[in-house]
Protein backbone atom coordinates (compact mmCIF):
# COMPACT_ATOMS: atom_id res chain seq x y z
CA UNK A 1 0.05 0.02 0.01
CA UNK A 2 1.92 2.75 -1.33
CA UNK A 3 -0.27 5.52 0.02
CA UNK A 4 -0.47 4.21 3.49
CA UNK A 5 0.13 7.15 5.75
CA UNK A 6 -0.19 9.74 3.08
CA UNK A 7 -3.11 12.12 3.02
CA UNK A 8 -4.24 10.89 -0.59
CA UNK A 9 -4.72 7.91 -2.56
CA UNK A 10 -2.75 7.75 -5.98
CA UNK A 11 -4.25 6.69 -9.44
CA UNK A 12 -2.78 6.76 -12.80
CA UNK A 13 -4.80 8.20 -15.57
CA UNK A 14 -3.02 7.93 -18.99
CA UNK A 15 0.35 9.15 -18.45
CA UNK A 16 -0.69 11.54 -15.27
CA UNK A 17 -0.42 10.64 -11.62
CA UNK A 18 -3.84 11.72 -9.91
CA UNK A 19 -3.90 12.30 -6.29
CA UNK A 20 -7.22 12.18 -4.32
CA UNK A 21 -7.64 13.51 -0.84
CA UNK A 22 -9.06 11.25 2.06
CA UNK A 23 -10.62 13.86 4.30
CA UNK A 24 -10.71 17.56 5.19
CA UNK A 25 -7.38 17.84 6.78
CA UNK A 26 -5.74 15.54 4.22
CA UNK A 27 -7.45 17.82 1.57
CA UNK A 28 -5.59 20.81 2.93
CA UNK A 29 -2.27 18.90 3.14
CA UNK A 30 -2.71 17.70 -0.43
CA UNK A 31 -3.62 21.19 -1.98
CA UNK A 32 -1.05 23.30 0.04
CA UNK A 33 1.75 21.05 1.02
CA UNK A 34 1.92 18.45 -1.83
CA UNK A 35 0.42 20.07 -5.04
CA UNK A 36 2.69 22.11 -7.01
CA UNK A 37 1.54 25.64 -8.46
CA UNK A 38 1.37 24.22 -12.18
CA UNK A 39 -0.50 20.94 -10.90
CA UNK A 40 -4.25 20.94 -11.93
CA UNK A 41 -6.64 20.99 -8.84
CA UNK A 42 -10.40 19.82 -8.84
CA UNK A 43 -13.33 19.66 -6.42
CA UNK A 44 -16.96 19.30 -6.76
CA UNK A 45 -18.61 22.64 -7.12
CA UNK A 46 -21.35 24.36 -5.16
CA UNK A 47 -19.86 23.98 -1.76
CA UNK A 48 -20.46 20.19 -1.78
CA UNK A 49 -18.17 18.34 0.64
CA UNK A 50 -15.73 15.92 -1.27
CA UNK A 51 -12.15 15.07 -1.96
CA UNK A 52 -9.49 17.47 -3.43
CA UNK A 53 -8.09 15.95 -6.54
CA UNK A 54 -4.74 16.82 -8.03
CA UNK A 55 -3.45 16.04 -11.40
CA UNK A 56 0.30 16.11 -11.41
CA UNK A 57 1.79 18.08 -14.16
CA UNK A 58 5.56 18.32 -13.73
CA UNK A 59 6.17 18.93 -17.62
CA UNK A 60 3.47 21.63 -17.66
CA UNK A 61 1.93 20.00 -20.66
CA UNK A 62 -1.69 20.56 -21.72
CA UNK A 63 -3.67 17.79 -19.93
CA UNK A 64 -5.89 15.72 -22.31
CA UNK A 65 -9.54 16.26 -22.00
CA UNK A 66 -9.89 12.45 -21.36
CA UNK A 67 -7.75 12.78 -18.30
CA UNK A 68 -9.50 15.81 -17.04
CA UNK A 69 -12.90 13.96 -17.53
CA UNK A 70 -11.62 10.88 -15.78
CA UNK A 71 -10.26 12.91 -12.84
CA UNK A 72 -13.47 14.93 -12.33
CA UNK A 73 -15.55 11.71 -12.34
CA UNK A 74 -13.37 10.57 -9.49
CA UNK A 75 -13.66 14.00 -7.71
CA UNK A 76 -17.46 13.50 -8.21
CA UNK A 77 -17.43 9.76 -6.97
CA UNK A 78 -15.35 10.85 -3.75
CA UNK A 79 -17.84 13.45 -2.71
CA UNK A 80 -21.24 13.89 -1.31
CA UNK A 81 -22.72 14.19 -4.72
CA UNK A 82 -21.68 10.62 -5.53
CA UNK A 83 -25.39 9.51 -6.21
CA UNK A 84 -26.35 12.22 -8.42
CA UNK A 85 -26.63 11.51 -12.09
CA UNK A 86 -24.39 14.48 -13.25
CA UNK A 87 -22.15 16.50 -10.88
CA UNK A 88 -20.28 20.04 -11.78
CA UNK A 89 -16.56 19.82 -11.01
CA UNK A 90 -14.40 22.96 -10.84
CA UNK A 91 -10.89 22.80 -11.78
CA UNK A 92 -7.96 25.07 -12.01
CA UNK A 93 -4.39 25.43 -11.38
CA UNK A 94 -3.25 24.76 -7.87
CA UNK A 95 -1.78 28.28 -7.77
CA UNK A 96 -5.49 29.73 -8.05
CA UNK A 97 -6.52 27.76 -4.78
CA UNK A 98 -6.44 29.90 -1.47
CA UNK A 99 -7.16 29.33 2.10
CA UNK A 100 -9.40 31.93 3.66
CA UNK A 101 -8.03 33.18 6.82
CA UNK A 102 -9.50 31.22 9.80
CA UNK A 103 -11.34 28.87 7.40
CA UNK A 104 -12.02 25.18 8.68
CA UNK A 105 -9.93 22.37 7.19
CA UNK A 106 -10.87 21.68 3.45
CA UNK A 107 -12.52 24.99 2.87
CA UNK A 108 -10.82 26.88 0.01
CA UNK A 109 -11.40 29.96 -2.34
CA UNK A 110 -10.63 29.73 -6.25
CA UNK A 111 -9.41 32.89 -7.96
CA UNK A 112 -10.26 31.44 -11.43
CA UNK A 113 -11.71 28.31 -12.66
CA UNK A 114 -13.40 26.05 -15.26
CA UNK A 115 -16.23 23.49 -14.72
CA UNK A 116 -16.96 20.11 -16.26
CA UNK A 117 -20.17 18.36 -15.84
CA UNK A 118 -19.51 14.59 -15.36
CA UNK A 119 -21.15 11.44 -13.93
CA UNK A 120 -19.44 10.05 -10.79
CA UNK A 121 -17.37 7.16 -11.44
CA UNK A 122 -14.81 5.31 -9.35
CA UNK A 123 -11.11 5.52 -10.75
CA UNK A 124 -10.18 2.27 -12.38
CA UNK A 125 -7.69 1.40 -9.61
CA UNK A 126 -5.46 3.17 -6.78
CA UNK A 127 -2.33 2.18 -5.08
CA UNK A 128 -4.14 1.59 -1.71
CA UNK A 129 -6.49 -1.09 -3.10
CA UNK A 130 -9.68 1.30 -2.94
CA UNK A 131 -11.20 1.93 -6.21
C-alpha cells in the first residue's frame, strides 16, 4: 500500500499521476503541501463536501480532455454528490487555490476556474487497494 500514511490515494490516468484527498485535513495537506502551483486541482462545485483531486503535471503540458474528465469523475465519486446523475466539478491550476483566513479544514477559495459536468465514477484502480 504505497499511499498508507499519505493524505491521499494515488491513481494513474493515462500518463498522469492523480492524487485524491482522503478527508478535510488531508485535503488541505494535499492542496497546500503536496500540489505544485502548475498542477491541476479539482473539487465538486457548489460547496458540496468531497475530496480534493490533484493531477500532477511536472512537465507543464496540456492535460488531455479525457484525463480531465476521468479525474473529474473521480472527484465526483469521492464526494457527497456521488449518487447524482451529473455533477459540476470545478478545476484550476493549484496556484489559483487559496485558504481563507480562519477557514475550517478543506475549505478553499478559487481565483479562477473552469467547470466540467460529469457522471460520478470510481477510478479504475488506486495504490491503496480502494477503487
